[in-house]
C-alpha atoms as a PDB file:
ATOM      1  CA  UNK A   1     137.477 -11.762  54.642  1.00  0.00           C
ATOM      2  CA  UNK A   2     138.702  -8.561  55.462  1.00  0.00           C
ATOM      3  CA  UNK A   3     138.248  -5.323  53.316  1.00  0.00           C
ATOM      4  CA  UNK A   4     141.285  -2.828  53.252  1.00  0.00           C
ATOM      5  CA  UNK A   5     140.523   0.647  52.326  1.00  0.00           C
ATOM      6  CA  UNK A   6     143.510   2.905  51.047  1.00  0.00           C
ATOM      7  CA  UNK A   7     146.279   3.365  53.058  1.00  0.00           C
ATOM      8  CA  UNK A   8     146.557   6.825  54.258  1.00  0.00           C
ATOM      9  CA  UNK A   9     149.436   9.300  51.895  1.00  0.00           C
ATOM     10  CA  UNK A  10     152.393  10.123  54.198  1.00  0.00           C
ATOM     11  CA  UNK A  11     151.345  13.354  54.303  1.00  0.00           C
ATOM     12  CA  UNK A  12     148.047  13.629  55.091  1.00  0.00           C
ATOM     13  CA  UNK A  13     146.851  12.566  58.873  1.00  0.00           C
ATOM     14  CA  UNK A  14     144.046  10.627  59.550  1.00  0.00           C
ATOM     15  CA  UNK A  15     140.826  12.152  61.157  1.00  0.00           C
ATOM     16  CA  UNK A  16     141.506  11.777  64.813  1.00  0.00           C
ATOM     17  CA  UNK A  17     137.807  11.508  66.661  1.00  0.00           C
ATOM     18  CA  UNK A  18     139.010  13.218  70.036  1.00  0.00           C
ATOM     19  CA  UNK A  19     140.670  16.392  68.252  1.00  0.00           C
ATOM     20  CA  UNK A  20     137.466  17.210  65.973  1.00  0.00           C
ATOM     21  CA  UNK A  21     135.064  16.725  69.327  1.00  0.00           C
ATOM     22  CA  UNK A  22     137.746  19.185  70.712  1.00  0.00           C
ATOM     23  CA  UNK A  23     137.564  21.554  67.987  1.00  0.00           C
ATOM     24  CA  UNK A  24     133.369  21.523  67.761  1.00  0.00           C
ATOM     25  CA  UNK A  25     134.020  23.725  71.405  1.00  0.00           C
ATOM     26  CA  UNK A  26     136.271  25.692  70.523  1.00  0.00           C
ATOM     27  CA  UNK A  27     135.982  29.416  70.702  1.00  0.00           C
ATOM     28  CA  UNK A  28     136.277  31.349  67.874  1.00  0.00           C
ATOM     29  CA  UNK A  29     136.280  35.284  67.623  1.00  0.00           C
ATOM     30  CA  UNK A  30     136.247  37.422  64.650  1.00  0.00           C
ATOM     31  CA  UNK A  31     139.356  39.014  64.040  1.00  0.00           C
ATOM     32  CA  UNK A  32     139.566  42.730  66.058  1.00  0.00           C
ATOM     33  CA  UNK A  33     140.332  45.639  63.248  1.00  0.00           C
ATOM     34  CA  UNK A  34     142.771  47.958  63.926  1.00  0.00           C
ATOM     35  CA  UNK A  35     140.911  50.347  65.737  1.00  0.00           C
ATOM     36  CA  UNK A  36     139.809  47.724  68.219  1.00  0.00           C
ATOM     37  CA  UNK A  37     142.176  47.000  69.417  1.00  0.00           C
ATOM     38  CA  UNK A  38     143.632  49.934  70.958  1.00  0.00           C
ATOM     39  CA  UNK A  39     144.276  50.047  74.858  1.00  0.00           C
ATOM     40  CA  UNK A  40     143.272  52.681  77.460  1.00  0.00           C
ATOM     41  CA  UNK A  41     145.030  52.327  80.605  1.00  0.00           C
ATOM     42  CA  UNK A  42     143.346  54.398  83.574  1.00  0.00           C
ATOM     43  CA  UNK A  43     143.470  54.639  87.367  1.00  0.00           C
ATOM     44  CA  UNK A  44     140.068  53.333  88.599  1.00  0.00           C
ATOM     45  CA  UNK A  45     138.864  52.868  92.478  1.00  0.00           C
ATOM     46  CA  UNK A  46     137.019  49.382  92.758  1.00  0.00           C
ATOM     47  CA  UNK A  47     135.287  48.466  95.563  1.00  0.00           C
ATOM     48  CA  UNK A  48     137.257  45.210  96.426  1.00  0.00           C
ATOM     49  CA  UNK A  49     135.963  41.726  98.216  1.00  0.00           C
ATOM     50  CA  UNK A  50     137.958  38.821  99.196  1.00  0.00           C
ATOM     51  CA  UNK A  51     138.087  35.270  98.984  1.00  0.00           C
ATOM     52  CA  UNK A  52     135.628  35.049 102.224  1.00  0.00           C
ATOM     53  CA  UNK A  53     133.179  37.708 100.762  1.00  0.00           C
ATOM     54  CA  UNK A  54     134.257  40.541 103.351  1.00  0.00           C
ATOM     55  CA  UNK A  55     134.364  43.950 102.003  1.00  0.00           C
ATOM     56  CA  UNK A  56     138.398  45.153 101.494  1.00  0.00           C
ATOM     57  CA  UNK A  57     137.154  48.512 101.005  1.00  0.00           C
ATOM     58  CA  UNK A  58     137.859  51.140  97.841  1.00  0.00           C
ATOM     59  CA  UNK A  59     141.038  50.559  96.473  1.00  0.00           C
ATOM     60  CA  UNK A  60     142.505  52.287  93.713  1.00  0.00           C
ATOM     61  CA  UNK A  61     143.802  49.941  90.929  1.00  0.00           C
ATOM     62  CA  UNK A  62     145.587  50.613  87.233  1.00  0.00           C
ATOM     63  CA  UNK A  63     143.416  48.884  84.600  1.00  0.00           C
ATOM     64  CA  UNK A  64     143.757  48.328  80.611  1.00  0.00           C
ATOM     65  CA  UNK A  65     140.625  48.246  78.497  1.00  0.00           C
ATOM     66  CA  UNK A  66     140.655  46.630  75.438  1.00  0.00           C
ATOM     67  CA  UNK A  67     137.121  47.238  73.325  1.00  0.00           C
ATOM     68  CA  UNK A  68     135.318  44.623  75.539  1.00  0.00           C
ATOM     69  CA  UNK A  69     136.393  45.173  78.690  1.00  0.00           C
ATOM     70  CA  UNK A  70     139.936  44.739  81.069  1.00  0.00           C
ATOM     71  CA  UNK A  71     142.779  42.388  80.008  1.00  0.00           C
ATOM     72  CA  UNK A  72     145.486  43.809  82.409  1.00  0.00           C
ATOM     73  CA  UNK A  73     145.364  44.919  86.167  1.00  0.00           C
ATOM     74  CA  UNK A  74     147.573  45.998  88.861  1.00  0.00           C
ATOM     75  CA  UNK A  75     146.462  45.270  92.212  1.00  0.00           C
ATOM     76  CA  UNK A  76     147.425  44.393  95.439  1.00  0.00           C
ATOM     77  CA  UNK A  77     151.140  44.930  93.861  1.00  0.00           C
ATOM     78  CA  UNK A  78     150.567  42.408  91.387  1.00  0.00           C
ATOM     79  CA  UNK A  79     149.852  42.181  87.485  1.00  0.00           C
ATOM     80  CA  UNK A  80     146.190  40.456  86.557  1.00  0.00           C
ATOM     81  CA  UNK A  81     145.472  39.299  82.931  1.00  0.00           C
ATOM     82  CA  UNK A  82     142.594  37.851  81.233  1.00  0.00           C
ATOM     83  CA  UNK A  83     142.133  34.415  81.241  1.00  0.00           C
ATOM     84  CA  UNK A  84     139.564  34.283  78.474  1.00  0.00           C
ATOM     85  CA  UNK A  85     136.496  33.190  80.921  1.00  0.00           C
ATOM     86  CA  UNK A  86     133.925  35.649  80.991  1.00  0.00           C
ATOM     87  CA  UNK A  87     130.303  35.130  83.280  1.00  0.00           C
ATOM     88  CA  UNK A  88     128.108  36.978  85.401  1.00  0.00           C
ATOM     89  CA  UNK A  89     128.390  37.487  89.695  1.00  0.00           C
ATOM     90  CA  UNK A  90     125.334  35.660  90.927  1.00  0.00           C
ATOM     91  CA  UNK A  91     124.598  38.486  93.674  1.00  0.00           C
ATOM     92  CA  UNK A  92     123.897  41.292  91.053  1.00  0.00           C
ATOM     93  CA  UNK A  93     123.933  39.564  87.502  1.00  0.00           C
ATOM     94  CA  UNK A  94     126.696  41.632  86.474  1.00  0.00           C
ATOM     95  CA  UNK A  95     129.230  40.383  83.298  1.00  0.00           C
ATOM     96  CA  UNK A  96     132.307  39.789  84.766  1.00  0.00           C
ATOM     97  CA  UNK A  97     136.031  38.848  83.740  1.00  0.00           C
ATOM     98  CA  UNK A  98     138.509  36.160  85.257  1.00  0.00           C
ATOM     99  CA  UNK A  99     141.970  37.703  85.818  1.00  0.00           C
ATOM    100  CA  UNK A 100     145.076  35.609  87.111  1.00  0.00           C
ATOM    101  CA  UNK A 101     148.757  36.602  87.590  1.00  0.00           C
ATOM    102  CA  UNK A 102     151.429  33.760  86.520  1.00  0.00           C
ATOM    103  CA  UNK A 103     151.832  32.760  90.094  1.00  0.00           C
ATOM    104  CA  UNK A 104     147.628  31.491  89.615  1.00  0.00           C
ATOM    105  CA  UNK A 105     146.499  34.016  91.758  1.00  0.00           C
ATOM    106  CA  UNK A 106     143.095  34.893  90.717  1.00  0.00           C
ATOM    107  CA  UNK A 107     140.046  37.394  90.445  1.00  0.00           C
ATOM    108  CA  UNK A 108     136.330  38.443  88.828  1.00  0.00           C
ATOM    109  CA  UNK A 109     136.054  41.817  88.161  1.00  0.00           C
ATOM    110  CA  UNK A 110     133.117  43.544  86.221  1.00  0.00           C
ATOM    111  CA  UNK A 111     133.610  45.013  83.050  1.00  0.00           C
ATOM    112  CA  UNK A 112     133.984  48.548  83.975  1.00  0.00           C
ATOM    113  CA  UNK A 113     136.347  47.638  86.390  1.00  0.00           C
ATOM    114  CA  UNK A 114     134.473  49.374  89.177  1.00  0.00           C
ATOM    115  CA  UNK A 115     134.015  46.019  91.157  1.00  0.00           C
ATOM    116  CA  UNK A 116     136.065  42.851  92.131  1.00  0.00           C
ATOM    117  CA  UNK A 117     136.149  39.753  93.870  1.00  0.00           C
ATOM    118  CA  UNK A 118     139.381  38.342  94.813  1.00  0.00           C
ATOM    119  CA  UNK A 119     139.317  34.376  94.333  1.00  0.00           C
END
């Protein structure tokens, strides 16, 4: 004989294992204070390396920083925004951020924006 559980009220969702598992991997950041959200815009001369690891030289780029690193970059006539991905460069072990345009052109740059690797 099968036992039936209590019916789920219409205003209450059932637990979904897939969404519960997904939420375990979500990154939760502390809310920023007003002081932390101030942006600074500056022009930096960055050393740019292309996709084939060839040095393109020192190129001036306009960068907008938040308290943690670059969030917006104007480079090669396009505007790149921070995607939320962070990493480290393998050759120099520097902290980096991934930036992307609306057309999905991507680059990685150091937190001080002095080095850029085009993807």
